[in-house]
Amino acid sequence: MPFETSTLNKFPRPQTSLIGRTQEIAAIHALLAFVLTNDQANDLLALFAFSPLRYADTVPSGLPAWWGPQLWSFVTYAFFHADINHLAINLVWLMAFGPPIARRFGPSRFLIFCAATAAAGAAAHLATHL
């Protein structure tokens, strides 16, 4: 018997929340790369991507600086990727390290953890670039 059932069950399997997050990230990248025009993609990025310039005294034109993007871009930037290589590398790391965390935390706490770490990364970027 080449494989025992107990050995096969030891490999971590992605949780539903992890698979859903992967699908969301891939769908957003596909939307930006293949569906939207450059102007539409730039408008979407201006609204949801994180930029420390939103908090500067003089905000560049075209970059929304009202309270909405200032709040939600701390998390939503994590869904955007520069190109397919950036997307692929991030998804490989997510699939390598995500399953044990998702399994330990459960779906709701895993998504909260993802949002919290994204916000912490944006806060660190803001603190070092203002």
C-alpha atoms as a PDB file:
ATOM      1  CA  MET A   1       0.000   0.000   0.000  1.00  0.00           C
ATOM      2  CA  PRO A   2       1.875   3.113  -1.233  1.00  0.00           C
ATOM      3  CA  PHE A   3      -0.153   5.722   0.689  1.00  0.00           C
ATOM      4  CA  GLU A   4      -1.962   5.389   3.930  1.00  0.00           C
ATOM      5  CA  THR A   5      -5.097   7.424   4.529  1.00  0.00           C
ATOM      6  CA  SER A   6      -3.640   8.960   7.692  1.00  0.00           C
ATOM      7  CA  THR A   7      -0.626  10.246   5.712  1.00  0.00           C
ATOM      8  CA  LEU A   8      -2.796  11.888   3.057  1.00  0.00           C
ATOM      9  CA  ASN A   9      -4.898  13.703   5.644  1.00  0.00           C
ATOM     10  CA  LYS A  10      -1.838  15.419   7.151  1.00  0.00           C
ATOM     11  CA  PHE A  11      -1.436  17.789   4.204  1.00  0.00           C
ATOM     12  CA  PRO A  12      -3.084  21.158   4.865  1.00  0.00           C
ATOM     13  CA  ARG A  13      -6.090  21.898   2.689  1.00  0.00           C
ATOM     14  CA  PRO A  14      -7.133  25.452   1.922  1.00  0.00           C
ATOM     15  CA  GLN A  15     -10.125  26.637   3.910  1.00  0.00           C
ATOM     16  CA  THR A  16     -13.206  28.020   2.166  1.00  0.00           C
ATOM     17  CA  SER A  17     -12.366  31.543   3.338  1.00  0.00           C
ATOM     18  CA  LEU A  18      -8.894  31.220   1.811  1.00  0.00           C
ATOM     19  CA  ILE A  19     -10.228  29.933  -1.499  1.00  0.00           C
ATOM     20  CA  GLY A  20     -12.805  32.734  -1.563  1.00  0.00           C
ATOM     21  CA  ARG A  21     -10.144  35.373  -0.894  1.00  0.00           C
ATOM     22  CA  THR A  22      -7.964  33.917  -3.669  1.00  0.00           C
ATOM     23  CA  GLN A  23     -10.884  34.030  -6.103  1.00  0.00           C
ATOM     24  CA  GLU A  24     -11.696  37.632  -5.134  1.00  0.00           C
ATOM     25  CA  ILE A  25      -8.106  38.769  -5.668  1.00  0.00           C
ATOM     26  CA  ALA A  26      -7.853  36.976  -9.029  1.00  0.00           C
ATOM     27  CA  ALA A  27     -11.219  38.382 -10.172  1.00  0.00           C
ATOM     28  CA  ILE A  28     -10.185  41.940  -9.290  1.00  0.00           C
ATOM     29  CA  HIS A  29      -6.929  41.521 -11.182  1.00  0.00           C
ATOM     30  CA  ALA A  30      -8.776  40.113 -14.204  1.00  0.00           C
ATOM     31  CA  LEU A  31     -11.215  43.025 -14.059  1.00  0.00           C
ATOM     32  CA  LEU A  32      -8.388  45.554 -14.038  1.00  0.00           C
ATOM     33  CA  ALA A  33      -6.333  43.776 -16.691  1.00  0.00           C
ATOM     34  CA  PHE A  34      -8.959  42.634 -19.170  1.00  0.00           C
ATOM     35  CA  VAL A  35     -12.299  44.379 -18.679  1.00  0.00           C
ATOM     36  CA  LEU A  36     -11.810  47.997 -17.662  1.00  0.00           C
ATOM     37  CA  THR A  37     -10.294  50.698 -19.839  1.00  0.00           C
ATOM     38  CA  ASN A  38      -7.164  52.438 -18.563  1.00  0.00           C
ATOM     39  CA  ASP A  39      -9.195  55.425 -17.376  1.00  0.00           C
ATOM     40  CA  GLN A  40     -11.685  53.202 -15.555  1.00  0.00           C
ATOM     41  CA  ALA A  41      -8.872  51.187 -13.959  1.00  0.00           C
ATOM     42  CA  ASN A  42      -7.139  54.396 -12.851  1.00  0.00           C
ATOM     43  CA  ASP A  43     -10.393  55.687 -11.343  1.00  0.00           C
ATOM     44  CA  LEU A  44     -10.871  52.413  -9.457  1.00  0.00           C
ATOM     45  CA  LEU A  45      -7.294  52.471  -8.198  1.00  0.00           C
ATOM     46  CA  ALA A  46      -7.602  56.123  -7.170  1.00  0.00           C
ATOM     47  CA  LEU A  47     -10.665  55.249  -5.102  1.00  0.00           C
ATOM     48  CA  PHE A  48      -9.498  52.001  -3.471  1.00  0.00           C
ATOM     49  CA  ALA A  49      -5.672  51.847  -3.551  1.00  0.00           C
ATOM     50  CA  PHE A  50      -3.768  53.149  -0.539  1.00  0.00           C
ATOM     51  CA  SER A  51      -1.692  56.300  -0.970  1.00  0.00           C
ATOM     52  CA  PRO A  52      -0.092  58.417   1.747  1.00  0.00           C
ATOM     53  CA  LEU A  53      -0.775  61.434  -0.491  1.00  0.00           C
ATOM     54  CA  ARG A  54      -4.432  61.288   0.652  1.00  0.00           C
ATOM     55  CA  TYR A  55      -3.250  62.579   4.028  1.00  0.00           C
ATOM     56  CA  ALA A  56      -0.914  65.312   2.755  1.00  0.00           C
ATOM     57  CA  ASP A  57      -1.703  68.998   3.116  1.00  0.00           C
ATOM     58  CA  THR A  58      -2.104  69.324  -0.649  1.00  0.00           C
ATOM     59  CA  VAL A  59      -3.734  66.312  -2.285  1.00  0.00           C
ATOM     60  CA  PRO A  60      -3.027  65.784  -6.014  1.00  0.00           C
ATOM     61  CA  SER A  61      -6.011  66.233  -8.300  1.00  0.00           C
ATOM     62  CA  GLY A  62      -7.673  62.984  -9.264  1.00  0.00           C
ATOM     63  CA  LEU A  63      -6.948  61.366  -5.894  1.00  0.00           C
ATOM     64  CA  PRO A  64     -10.086  61.280  -3.735  1.00  0.00           C
ATOM     65  CA  ALA A  65      -9.269  62.564  -0.273  1.00  0.00           C
ATOM     66  CA  TRP A  66     -12.645  62.507   1.478  1.00  0.00           C
ATOM     67  CA  TRP A  67     -13.217  60.309   4.531  1.00  0.00           C
ATOM     68  CA  GLY A  68     -14.345  57.176   2.591  1.00  0.00           C
ATOM     69  CA  PRO A  69     -11.135  56.364   0.702  1.00  0.00           C
ATOM     70  CA  GLN A  70      -9.087  57.539   3.678  1.00  0.00           C
ATOM     71  CA  LEU A  71     -10.800  54.837   5.723  1.00  0.00           C
ATOM     72  CA  TRP A  72     -11.363  51.847   3.431  1.00  0.00           C
ATOM     73  CA  SER A  73      -8.118  52.073   1.417  1.00  0.00           C
ATOM     74  CA  PHE A  74      -6.261  50.793   4.502  1.00  0.00           C
ATOM     75  CA  VAL A  75      -7.755  47.380   3.644  1.00  0.00           C
ATOM     76  CA  THR A  76      -8.846  47.490  -0.006  1.00  0.00           C
ATOM     77  CA  TYR A  77      -5.345  48.098  -1.361  1.00  0.00           C
ATOM     78  CA  ALA A  78      -4.532  44.477  -0.491  1.00  0.00           C
ATOM     79  CA  PHE A  79      -6.800  43.303  -3.317  1.00  0.00           C
ATOM     80  CA  PHE A  80      -4.765  45.077  -6.038  1.00  0.00           C
ATOM     81  CA  HIS A  81      -1.659  43.707  -7.722  1.00  0.00           C
ATOM     82  CA  ALA A  82       0.667  45.383 -10.222  1.00  0.00           C
ATOM     83  CA  ASP A  83       0.905  42.489 -12.676  1.00  0.00           C
ATOM     84  CA  ILE A  84       0.419  38.751 -13.036  1.00  0.00           C
ATOM     85  CA  ASN A  85       3.811  37.973 -11.433  1.00  0.00           C
ATOM     86  CA  HIS A  86       2.938  40.024  -8.349  1.00  0.00           C
ATOM     87  CA  LEU A  87      -0.424  38.262  -8.166  1.00  0.00           C
ATOM     88  CA  ALA A  88       1.074  34.782  -8.618  1.00  0.00           C
ATOM     89  CA  ILE A  89       3.787  35.253  -5.991  1.00  0.00           C
ATOM     90  CA  ASN A  90       1.313  36.628  -3.443  1.00  0.00           C
ATOM     91  CA  LEU A  91      -1.119  33.769  -4.077  1.00  0.00           C
ATOM     92  CA  VAL A  92       1.653  31.181  -3.730  1.00  0.00           C
ATOM     93  CA  TRP A  93       2.575  32.642  -0.325  1.00  0.00           C
ATOM     94  CA  LEU A  94      -1.075  32.884   0.668  1.00  0.00           C
ATOM     95  CA  MET A  95      -1.631  29.221  -0.207  1.00  0.00           C
ATOM     96  CA  ALA A  96       1.578  28.204   1.572  1.00  0.00           C
ATOM     97  CA  PHE A  97       0.957  30.020   4.856  1.00  0.00           C
ATOM     98  CA  GLY A  98      -2.790  30.673   4.795  1.00  0.00           C
ATOM     99  CA  PRO A  99      -4.246  27.198   5.413  1.00  0.00           C
ATOM    100  CA  PRO A 100      -2.822  26.656   8.910  1.00  0.00           C
ATOM    101  CA  ILE A 101      -3.844  30.163   9.981  1.00  0.00           C
ATOM    102  CA  ALA A 102      -7.315  29.853   8.437  1.00  0.00           C
ATOM    103  CA  ARG A 103      -7.798  26.451  10.047  1.00  0.00           C
ATOM    104  CA  ARG A 104      -6.717  27.700  13.473  1.00  0.00           C
ATOM    105  CA  PHE A 105      -8.665  30.991  13.369  1.00  0.00           C
ATOM    106  CA  GLY A 106     -11.779  29.875  11.482  1.00  0.00           C
ATOM    107  CA  PRO A 107     -13.300  31.758   8.528  1.00  0.00           C
ATOM    108  CA  SER A 108     -14.501  34.925  10.285  1.00  0.00           C
ATOM    109  CA  ARG A 109     -11.406  35.460  12.391  1.00  0.00           C
ATOM    110  CA  PHE A 110      -9.182  34.689   9.390  1.00  0.00           C
ATOM    111  CA  LEU A 111     -10.832  37.438   7.342  1.00  0.00           C
ATOM    112  CA  ILE A 112     -10.529  39.838  10.292  1.00  0.00           C
ATOM    113  CA  PHE A 113      -6.861  38.840  10.586  1.00  0.00           C
ATOM    114  CA  CYS A 114      -6.322  39.564   6.866  1.00  0.00           C
ATOM    115  CA  ALA A 115      -7.991  42.973   7.193  1.00  0.00           C
ATOM    116  CA  ALA A 116      -6.006  43.802  10.334  1.00  0.00           C
ATOM    117  CA  THR A 117      -2.656  42.868   8.796  1.00  0.00           C
ATOM    118  CA  ALA A 118      -3.478  44.826   5.630  1.00  0.00           C
ATOM    119  CA  ALA A 119      -4.388  47.867   7.737  1.00  0.00           C
ATOM    120  CA  ALA A 120      -1.188  47.472   9.773  1.00  0.00           C
ATOM    121  CA  GLY A 121       0.864  47.382   6.577  1.00  0.00           C
ATOM    122  CA  ALA A 122      -0.829  50.528   5.268  1.00  0.00           C
ATOM    123  CA  ALA A 123      -0.342  52.267   8.622  1.00  0.00           C
ATOM    124  CA  ALA A 124       3.373  51.403   8.583  1.00  0.00           C
ATOM    125  CA  HIS A 125       3.641  52.704   5.017  1.00  0.00           C
ATOM    126  CA  LEU A 126       1.821  55.903   5.999  1.00  0.00           C
ATOM    127  CA  ALA A 127       4.036  56.410   9.061  1.00  0.00           C
ATOM    128  CA  THR A 128       7.226  56.108   6.997  1.00  0.00           C
ATOM    129  CA  HIS A 129       6.083  58.134   3.972  1.00  0.00           C
ATOM    130  CA  LEU A 130       4.442  61.275   5.358  1.00  0.00           C
END
